[in-house]
Structure formats: C-alpha cells, structure tokens
Amino acid sequence: MSTRSIIAVEKGNKDVISVYCHSDGYISGVGKTLFENYNDYQKAKELVNGGGISSLGSTLNETSFYFRDWGRKEDKEPTKYNNEFCLMYDLTGSTMIEYLYLYKNFDWYVSKSKYIDKKILGKNAYDIGVAYWTNFKKVSSYKKELSQKDN
C-alpha cells in the first residue's frame, strides 16, 4: 500500500503548480527527500514540471516520472491553480491523498490529511466521515522524521 502525496510549488505570481506522487508520501520519505534535495525554488519547480511521480528520488534522474519513464501521457503536465486556496479547495474531501507538500517563501511546508469518523459526527452525518487538511507547517520542524535513516 502506498502513501500518496501532492507536491506543489508556489510561483512568484502566487500561481501554484502541483503533481501527484504515489509512493512514500510520509514526512520521513517524500518530505525528507524534498527538504534535503529540492530545497530551492529552481529545483522544486523542475521537479514539479516533470509531471506525475511514481516514486521520488534524490535527483530528477533517480525519480520515476509517469510520463518520462512509463509513457503515461495523462501525467505529463503539472496541475495549475490560481493560488494556494484553489489548490486546497480542489483537494477538499480527498481521502486518497495523505500529505500535501508546498514549496513557498523559500521553504517546504506540509499539510496532513485528517479524518473525523462518522461515530464522532453522530446520527446527523450522512457521509462515512469528513476529511480535512491541517494547517501548513514547515517540514524542517519535523526533526524526528528528518533524522530517520533510509531503509
């Protein structure tokens, strides 16, 4: 089972581009790799411009891109948004994506998907529960996850 994530970059005009990343989306995986290897605007933008990602590597050559490496045309381009709010709005209710990484203001930030179960919501809840995103927090603040050794 994969831990899915979205990797996004805020451009200078506040537009946001993002891609899906299928594997290792947790902070000690994708978060650590982004923080250690793509921690400047140009590198982050080049990564996202590569399109959808199966697995993130320390370099673009080590990264498995769906279009470049698998020939999947539907994953060639990043998704474009007018701003961060539009990105978050588009992902509202998404229970398949567990982490969202955003490069902005010269740093990586992460938001985690959380879930409120119907048991907590009570009888008035129609759905099975409610998914929501936490506020963004700097990836660098997750010292424990960033210090974990690779498997």
N, C-alpha and C. Protein backbone atom coordinates (compact mmCIF):
# COMPACT_ATOMS: atom_id res chain seq x y z
N MET A 1 0.85 -1.18 0.00
CA MET A 1 0.00 0.00 0.00
C MET A 1 0.89 1.24 0.00
N SER A 2 0.56 2.18 -0.83
CA SER A 2 1.36 3.39 -0.96
C SER A 2 0.81 4.53 -0.10
N THR A 3 1.71 5.41 0.28
CA THR A 3 1.32 6.64 0.97
C THR A 3 1.39 7.75 -0.05
N ARG A 4 0.24 8.23 -0.47
CA ARG A 4 0.14 9.19 -1.57
C ARG A 4 0.32 10.61 -1.07
N SER A 5 0.89 11.44 -1.97
CA SER A 5 1.06 12.85 -1.63
C SER A 5 0.93 13.72 -2.87
N ILE A 6 0.81 14.99 -2.62
CA ILE A 6 0.83 16.02 -3.66
C ILE A 6 2.07 16.86 -3.38
N ILE A 7 2.81 17.17 -4.44
CA ILE A 7 3.97 18.06 -4.33
C ILE A 7 3.63 19.30 -5.15
N ALA A 8 3.70 20.46 -4.51
CA ALA A 8 3.30 21.71 -5.18
C ALA A 8 4.35 22.79 -4.98
N VAL A 9 4.36 23.74 -5.90
CA VAL A 9 5.27 24.88 -5.84
C VAL A 9 4.48 26.14 -6.11
N GLU A 10 4.64 27.12 -5.21
CA GLU A 10 4.03 28.43 -5.42
C GLU A 10 4.99 29.27 -6.24
N LYS A 11 4.51 29.76 -7.38
CA LYS A 11 5.35 30.59 -8.24
C LYS A 11 5.32 32.03 -7.75
N GLY A 12 6.19 32.85 -8.30
CA GLY A 12 6.33 34.24 -7.86
C GLY A 12 5.05 35.06 -7.94
N ASN A 13 4.15 34.71 -8.85
CA ASN A 13 2.90 35.45 -9.00
C ASN A 13 1.77 34.84 -8.18
N LYS A 14 2.09 33.92 -7.29
CA LYS A 14 1.17 33.20 -6.39
C LYS A 14 0.43 32.05 -7.06
N ASP A 15 0.63 31.85 -8.40
CA ASP A 15 0.10 30.64 -9.03
C ASP A 15 0.76 29.44 -8.38
N VAL A 16 0.08 28.31 -8.40
CA VAL A 16 0.61 27.08 -7.82
C VAL A 16 0.55 25.99 -8.88
N ILE A 17 1.63 25.21 -8.99
CA ILE A 17 1.63 24.03 -9.85
C ILE A 17 1.85 22.82 -8.95
N SER A 18 1.19 21.71 -9.28
CA SER A 18 1.29 20.55 -8.40
C SER A 18 1.26 19.25 -9.20
N VAL A 19 1.83 18.21 -8.57
CA VAL A 19 1.80 16.87 -9.15
C VAL A 19 1.49 15.85 -8.07
N TYR A 20 0.97 14.74 -8.51
CA TYR A 20 0.71 13.58 -7.66
C TYR A 20 1.99 12.79 -7.49
N CYS A 21 2.25 12.29 -6.30
CA CYS A 21 3.38 11.38 -6.03
C CYS A 21 2.81 10.15 -5.33
N HIS A 22 3.02 8.99 -5.92
CA HIS A 22 2.36 7.77 -5.46
C HIS A 22 2.98 7.13 -4.21
N SER A 23 4.29 7.13 -4.10
CA SER A 23 4.93 6.32 -3.05
C SER A 23 5.62 7.15 -1.98
N ASP A 24 5.63 6.61 -0.76
CA ASP A 24 6.43 7.12 0.36
C ASP A 24 6.12 8.57 0.74
N GLY A 25 4.87 8.98 0.68
CA GLY A 25 4.49 10.36 0.91
C GLY A 25 4.68 10.89 2.31
N TYR A 26 4.93 10.03 3.28
CA TYR A 26 5.10 10.45 4.68
C TYR A 26 6.32 11.38 4.80
N ILE A 27 6.42 12.06 5.92
CA ILE A 27 7.45 13.09 6.11
C ILE A 27 8.86 12.51 6.07
N SER A 28 9.07 11.32 6.64
CA SER A 28 10.41 10.73 6.61
C SER A 28 10.75 10.16 5.24
N GLY A 29 9.81 10.19 4.31
CA GLY A 29 10.04 9.73 2.94
C GLY A 29 10.13 10.93 1.99
N VAL A 30 9.01 11.27 1.37
CA VAL A 30 8.97 12.39 0.43
C VAL A 30 9.38 13.70 1.10
N GLY A 31 8.88 13.95 2.30
CA GLY A 31 9.22 15.20 2.99
C GLY A 31 10.71 15.37 3.17
N LYS A 32 11.36 14.33 3.63
CA LYS A 32 12.81 14.37 3.86
C LYS A 32 13.55 14.54 2.53
N THR A 33 13.13 13.82 1.50
CA THR A 33 13.78 13.92 0.19
C THR A 33 13.64 15.32 -0.39
N LEU A 34 12.46 15.90 -0.28
CA LEU A 34 12.26 17.28 -0.76
C LEU A 34 13.15 18.24 0.01
N PHE A 35 13.15 18.12 1.32
CA PHE A 35 13.91 19.03 2.19
C PHE A 35 15.41 18.94 1.91
N GLU A 36 15.92 17.72 1.70
CA GLU A 36 17.35 17.53 1.53
C GLU A 36 17.84 17.74 0.10
N ASN A 37 16.97 17.56 -0.90
CA ASN A 37 17.44 17.55 -2.28
C ASN A 37 16.79 18.56 -3.22
N TYR A 38 15.66 19.10 -2.84
CA TYR A 38 14.93 20.03 -3.72
C TYR A 38 14.59 21.30 -2.96
N ASN A 39 15.50 21.75 -2.11
CA ASN A 39 15.20 22.84 -1.19
C ASN A 39 15.58 24.21 -1.74
N ASP A 40 15.33 24.42 -3.03
CA ASP A 40 15.38 25.77 -3.58
C ASP A 40 14.35 25.84 -4.70
N TYR A 41 13.96 27.04 -5.04
CA TYR A 41 12.85 27.24 -5.96
C TYR A 41 13.09 26.56 -7.31
N GLN A 42 14.26 26.73 -7.88
CA GLN A 42 14.53 26.17 -9.21
C GLN A 42 14.44 24.65 -9.22
N LYS A 43 15.03 24.00 -8.23
CA LYS A 43 14.97 22.53 -8.15
C LYS A 43 13.53 22.05 -7.92
N ALA A 44 12.81 22.73 -7.05
CA ALA A 44 11.42 22.36 -6.77
C ALA A 44 10.56 22.50 -8.02
N LYS A 45 10.75 23.59 -8.74
CA LYS A 45 9.97 23.84 -9.96
C LYS A 45 10.31 22.81 -11.04
N GLU A 46 11.58 22.49 -11.22
CA GLU A 46 11.98 21.47 -12.20
C GLU A 46 11.35 20.12 -11.87
N LEU A 47 11.33 19.78 -10.59
CA LEU A 47 10.72 18.52 -10.17
C LEU A 47 9.24 18.47 -10.56
N VAL A 48 8.50 19.49 -10.18
CA VAL A 48 7.06 19.50 -10.45
C VAL A 48 6.77 19.59 -11.95
N ASN A 49 7.61 20.28 -12.69
CA ASN A 49 7.41 20.38 -14.14
C ASN A 49 7.60 19.05 -14.84
N GLY A 50 8.18 18.06 -14.14
CA GLY A 50 8.34 16.73 -14.73
C GLY A 50 7.04 15.94 -14.81
N GLY A 51 5.98 16.43 -14.17
CA GLY A 51 4.70 15.73 -14.18
C GLY A 51 4.57 14.73 -13.05
N GLY A 52 3.53 13.89 -13.15
CA GLY A 52 3.22 12.93 -12.10
C GLY A 52 4.39 12.01 -11.77
N ILE A 53 4.49 11.65 -10.49
CA ILE A 53 5.63 10.89 -9.98
C ILE A 53 5.17 9.57 -9.37
N SER A 54 5.84 8.49 -9.75
CA SER A 54 5.59 7.20 -9.11
C SER A 54 6.37 7.13 -7.81
N SER A 55 7.68 7.40 -7.88
CA SER A 55 8.50 7.43 -6.67
C SER A 55 9.55 8.53 -6.80
N LEU A 56 9.76 9.25 -5.71
CA LEU A 56 10.66 10.39 -5.69
C LEU A 56 12.07 9.94 -5.35
N GLY A 57 13.04 10.37 -6.17
CA GLY A 57 14.44 10.08 -5.90
C GLY A 57 15.18 11.33 -5.48
N SER A 58 16.43 11.17 -5.10
CA SER A 58 17.23 12.31 -4.66
C SER A 58 17.58 13.26 -5.80
N THR A 59 17.51 12.77 -7.03
CA THR A 59 17.74 13.61 -8.21
C THR A 59 16.60 13.38 -9.19
N LEU A 60 16.53 14.23 -10.20
CA LEU A 60 15.49 14.05 -11.23
C LEU A 60 15.72 12.74 -11.98
N ASN A 61 16.99 12.37 -12.20
CA ASN A 61 17.27 11.10 -12.89
C ASN A 61 16.85 9.89 -12.08
N GLU A 62 16.90 9.99 -10.75
CA GLU A 62 16.52 8.87 -9.89
C GLU A 62 15.01 8.84 -9.61
N THR A 63 14.31 9.91 -9.98
CA THR A 63 12.87 9.99 -9.78
C THR A 63 12.16 9.25 -10.90
N SER A 64 11.14 8.49 -10.55
CA SER A 64 10.35 7.77 -11.55
C SER A 64 9.12 8.62 -11.91
N PHE A 65 9.18 9.25 -13.08
CA PHE A 65 8.08 10.07 -13.59
C PHE A 65 7.17 9.22 -14.46
N TYR A 66 5.87 9.38 -14.29
CA TYR A 66 4.92 8.59 -15.07
C TYR A 66 5.04 8.84 -16.57
N PHE A 67 5.22 10.08 -16.99
CA PHE A 67 5.31 10.35 -18.43
C PHE A 67 6.67 9.94 -18.99
N ARG A 68 7.73 10.45 -18.40
CA ARG A 68 9.08 10.19 -18.93
C ARG A 68 9.44 8.71 -18.90
N ASP A 69 9.12 8.03 -17.79
CA ASP A 69 9.58 6.66 -17.61
C ASP A 69 8.53 5.59 -17.93
N TRP A 70 7.26 5.95 -17.89
CA TRP A 70 6.20 4.98 -18.11
C TRP A 70 5.39 5.27 -19.38
N GLY A 71 5.58 6.45 -19.97
CA GLY A 71 4.85 6.82 -21.18
C GLY A 71 3.40 7.20 -20.96
N ARG A 72 3.02 7.51 -19.73
CA ARG A 72 1.63 7.87 -19.43
C ARG A 72 1.39 9.35 -19.75
N LYS A 73 0.75 9.61 -20.87
CA LYS A 73 0.55 10.98 -21.37
C LYS A 73 -0.31 11.83 -20.44
N GLU A 74 -1.25 11.20 -19.75
CA GLU A 74 -2.15 11.95 -18.86
C GLU A 74 -1.41 12.54 -17.65
N ASP A 75 -0.20 12.11 -17.39
CA ASP A 75 0.57 12.58 -16.25
C ASP A 75 1.75 13.46 -16.66
N LYS A 76 1.70 14.01 -17.88
CA LYS A 76 2.83 14.77 -18.42
C LYS A 76 2.98 16.14 -17.77
N GLU A 77 1.89 16.83 -17.54
CA GLU A 77 1.92 18.22 -17.07
C GLU A 77 1.46 18.34 -15.62
N PRO A 78 2.03 19.30 -14.90
CA PRO A 78 1.51 19.57 -13.55
C PRO A 78 0.14 20.23 -13.64
N THR A 79 -0.63 20.12 -12.57
CA THR A 79 -1.92 20.81 -12.48
C THR A 79 -1.66 22.23 -12.02
N LYS A 80 -2.35 23.17 -12.64
CA LYS A 80 -2.12 24.58 -12.34
C LYS A 80 -3.31 25.16 -11.59
N TYR A 81 -3.00 25.99 -10.59
CA TYR A 81 -4.02 26.67 -9.77
C TYR A 81 -3.71 28.15 -9.71
N ASN A 82 -4.73 28.95 -9.49
CA ASN A 82 -4.54 30.41 -9.39
C ASN A 82 -3.80 30.81 -8.12
N ASN A 83 -3.91 29.98 -7.07
CA ASN A 83 -3.27 30.30 -5.79
C ASN A 83 -3.38 29.09 -4.86
N GLU A 84 -2.82 29.23 -3.67
CA GLU A 84 -2.82 28.16 -2.68
C GLU A 84 -4.25 27.78 -2.28
N PHE A 85 -5.12 28.75 -2.12
CA PHE A 85 -6.51 28.47 -1.73
C PHE A 85 -7.17 27.54 -2.76
N CYS A 86 -6.98 27.81 -4.04
CA CYS A 86 -7.60 26.98 -5.08
C CYS A 86 -7.07 25.54 -5.03
N LEU A 87 -5.79 25.38 -4.75
CA LEU A 87 -5.22 24.05 -4.58
C LEU A 87 -5.91 23.32 -3.42
N MET A 88 -5.98 23.98 -2.29
CA MET A 88 -6.58 23.35 -1.11
C MET A 88 -8.07 23.06 -1.33
N TYR A 89 -8.75 23.97 -1.99
CA TYR A 89 -10.18 23.77 -2.27
C TYR A 89 -10.38 22.55 -3.17
N ASP A 90 -9.52 22.40 -4.17
CA ASP A 90 -9.62 21.26 -5.09
C ASP A 90 -9.41 19.94 -4.35
N LEU A 91 -8.59 19.95 -3.32
CA LEU A 91 -8.30 18.73 -2.58
C LEU A 91 -9.25 18.49 -1.40
N THR A 92 -10.21 19.38 -1.20
CA THR A 92 -11.16 19.23 -0.10
C THR A 92 -11.87 17.88 -0.19
N GLY A 93 -11.86 17.17 0.90
CA GLY A 93 -12.57 15.89 0.96
C GLY A 93 -11.79 14.72 0.39
N SER A 94 -10.59 14.96 -0.14
CA SER A 94 -9.81 13.88 -0.72
C SER A 94 -9.26 12.98 0.38
N THR A 95 -9.69 11.74 0.41
CA THR A 95 -9.19 10.82 1.42
C THR A 95 -8.09 9.92 0.86
N MET A 96 -7.78 10.06 -0.41
CA MET A 96 -6.75 9.23 -1.03
C MET A 96 -5.35 9.84 -0.88
N ILE A 97 -5.28 11.15 -0.74
CA ILE A 97 -4.01 11.85 -0.59
C ILE A 97 -3.78 12.07 0.90
N GLU A 98 -2.61 11.68 1.40
CA GLU A 98 -2.37 11.77 2.84
C GLU A 98 -1.50 12.95 3.25
N TYR A 99 -0.64 13.42 2.34
CA TYR A 99 0.24 14.55 2.64
C TYR A 99 0.27 15.50 1.46
N LEU A 100 0.37 16.77 1.75
CA LEU A 100 0.48 17.80 0.73
C LEU A 100 1.71 18.64 1.05
N TYR A 101 2.65 18.67 0.12
CA TYR A 101 3.89 19.45 0.28
C TYR A 101 3.81 20.67 -0.62
N LEU A 102 4.16 21.82 -0.06
CA LEU A 102 4.12 23.07 -0.82
C LEU A 102 5.41 23.84 -0.60
N TYR A 103 6.09 24.15 -1.71
CA TYR A 103 7.29 24.98 -1.63
C TYR A 103 6.86 26.43 -1.84
N LYS A 104 7.09 27.25 -0.82
CA LYS A 104 6.78 28.68 -0.91
C LYS A 104 7.66 29.43 0.08
N ASN A 105 7.88 30.69 -0.18
CA ASN A 105 8.69 31.52 0.72
C ASN A 105 10.03 30.87 1.05
N PHE A 106 10.66 30.23 0.06
CA PHE A 106 11.99 29.62 0.19
C PHE A 106 12.03 28.46 1.18
N ASP A 107 10.92 27.74 1.33
CA ASP A 107 10.88 26.63 2.28
C ASP A 107 9.80 25.63 1.88
N TRP A 108 9.96 24.39 2.34
CA TRP A 108 8.95 23.35 2.16
C TRP A 108 8.00 23.34 3.35
N TYR A 109 6.71 23.23 3.07
CA TYR A 109 5.67 23.12 4.08
C TYR A 109 4.88 21.85 3.82
N VAL A 110 4.27 21.32 4.88
CA VAL A 110 3.46 20.11 4.74
C VAL A 110 2.13 20.30 5.46
N SER A 111 1.10 19.75 4.85
CA SER A 111 -0.23 19.67 5.44
C SER A 111 -0.61 18.19 5.43
N LYS A 112 -1.22 17.72 6.52
CA LYS A 112 -1.61 16.32 6.63
C LYS A 112 -3.13 16.19 6.49
N SER A 113 -3.53 15.13 5.84
CA SER A 113 -4.95 14.81 5.73
C SER A 113 -5.40 14.17 7.04
N LYS A 114 -6.47 14.66 7.59
CA LYS A 114 -7.04 14.11 8.82
C LYS A 114 -8.49 13.70 8.54
N TYR A 115 -9.03 12.89 9.40
CA TYR A 115 -10.35 12.33 9.17
C TYR A 115 -11.14 12.30 10.47
N ILE A 116 -12.38 12.77 10.39
CA ILE A 116 -13.30 12.69 11.52
C ILE A 116 -14.31 11.60 11.17
N ASP A 117 -14.30 10.54 11.93
CA ASP A 117 -15.16 9.39 11.68
C ASP A 117 -16.63 9.72 11.97
N LYS A 118 -17.53 9.05 11.28
CA LYS A 118 -18.97 9.25 11.47
C LYS A 118 -19.40 8.98 12.92
N LYS A 119 -18.70 8.10 13.62
CA LYS A 119 -19.03 7.82 15.02
C LYS A 119 -18.95 9.10 15.85
N ILE A 120 -18.00 9.94 15.52
CA ILE A 120 -17.83 11.20 16.24
C ILE A 120 -18.85 12.24 15.76
N LEU A 121 -19.16 12.20 14.47
CA LEU A 121 -20.09 13.18 13.90
C LEU A 121 -21.54 12.94 14.35
N GLY A 122 -21.85 11.71 14.65
CA GLY A 122 -23.20 11.40 15.15
C GLY A 122 -24.19 11.04 14.05
N LYS A 123 -25.45 10.90 14.45
CA LYS A 123 -26.50 10.43 13.54
C LYS A 123 -26.85 11.43 12.44
N ASN A 124 -26.52 12.68 12.62
CA ASN A 124 -26.86 13.67 11.60
C ASN A 124 -25.91 13.68 10.42
N ALA A 125 -24.85 12.87 10.47
CA ALA A 125 -23.88 12.83 9.38
C ALA A 125 -24.34 11.83 8.32
N TYR A 126 -24.44 12.29 7.11
CA TYR A 126 -24.85 11.43 6.01
C TYR A 126 -23.69 10.57 5.52
N ASP A 127 -22.51 11.18 5.44
CA ASP A 127 -21.34 10.52 4.89
C ASP A 127 -20.72 9.58 5.92
N ILE A 128 -19.67 8.89 5.52
CA ILE A 128 -18.96 7.99 6.43
C ILE A 128 -18.01 8.75 7.34
N GLY A 129 -17.81 10.02 7.06
CA GLY A 129 -16.91 10.85 7.85
C GLY A 129 -16.53 12.09 7.06
N VAL A 130 -15.63 12.86 7.62
CA VAL A 130 -15.21 14.10 6.98
C VAL A 130 -13.68 14.14 6.95
N ALA A 131 -13.13 14.38 5.76
CA ALA A 131 -11.69 14.55 5.63
C ALA A 131 -11.38 16.04 5.59
N TYR A 132 -10.25 16.42 6.18
CA TYR A 132 -9.83 17.82 6.14
C TYR A 132 -8.31 17.89 6.16
N TRP A 133 -7.77 19.06 5.86
CA TRP A 133 -6.32 19.29 5.84
C TRP A 133 -5.91 20.13 7.04
N THR A 134 -4.77 19.76 7.64
CA THR A 134 -4.23 20.57 8.73
C THR A 134 -3.61 21.84 8.16
N ASN A 135 -3.36 22.81 9.02
CA ASN A 135 -2.62 23.99 8.59
C ASN A 135 -1.23 23.57 8.17
N PHE A 136 -0.65 24.32 7.25
CA PHE A 136 0.71 24.03 6.81
C PHE A 136 1.70 24.29 7.94
N LYS A 137 2.70 23.43 8.00
CA LYS A 137 3.79 23.54 8.98
C LYS A 137 5.09 23.28 8.23
N LYS A 138 6.15 23.98 8.59
CA LYS A 138 7.43 23.78 7.91
C LYS A 138 7.90 22.33 8.06
N VAL A 139 8.34 21.74 6.98
CA VAL A 139 8.90 20.39 7.03
C VAL A 139 10.09 20.35 7.99
N SER A 140 10.88 21.42 8.02
CA SER A 140 12.06 21.47 8.89
C SER A 140 11.72 21.34 10.37
N SER A 141 10.48 21.56 10.75
CA SER A 141 10.09 21.45 12.16
C SER A 141 9.90 19.99 12.60
N TYR A 142 9.89 19.06 11.66
CA TYR A 142 9.73 17.64 11.97
C TYR A 142 11.11 16.99 12.13
N LYS A 143 11.80 17.37 13.18
CA LYS A 143 13.18 16.93 13.42
C LYS A 143 13.31 15.41 13.48
N LYS A 144 12.42 14.76 14.19
CA LYS A 144 12.49 13.31 14.35
C LYS A 144 12.40 12.60 12.99
N GLU A 145 11.42 12.98 12.18
CA GLU A 145 11.21 12.36 10.87
C GLU A 145 12.39 12.62 9.93
N LEU A 146 12.94 13.82 10.00
CA LEU A 146 14.06 14.19 9.12
C LEU A 146 15.36 13.49 9.52
N SER A 147 15.45 13.06 10.77
CA SER A 147 16.68 12.42 11.23
C SER A 147 16.66 10.90 11.02
N GLN A 148 15.52 10.35 10.60
CA GLN A 148 15.44 8.90 10.40
C GLN A 148 16.32 8.48 9.24
N LYS A 149 16.98 7.34 9.43
CA LYS A 149 17.84 6.77 8.39
C LYS A 149 16.99 6.13 7.31
N ASP A 150 17.51 6.14 6.08
CA ASP A 150 16.82 5.44 4.98
C ASP A 150 16.82 3.95 5.24
N ASN A 151 15.75 3.30 4.77
CA ASN A 151 15.64 1.83 4.95
C ASN A 151 16.57 1.09 4.03
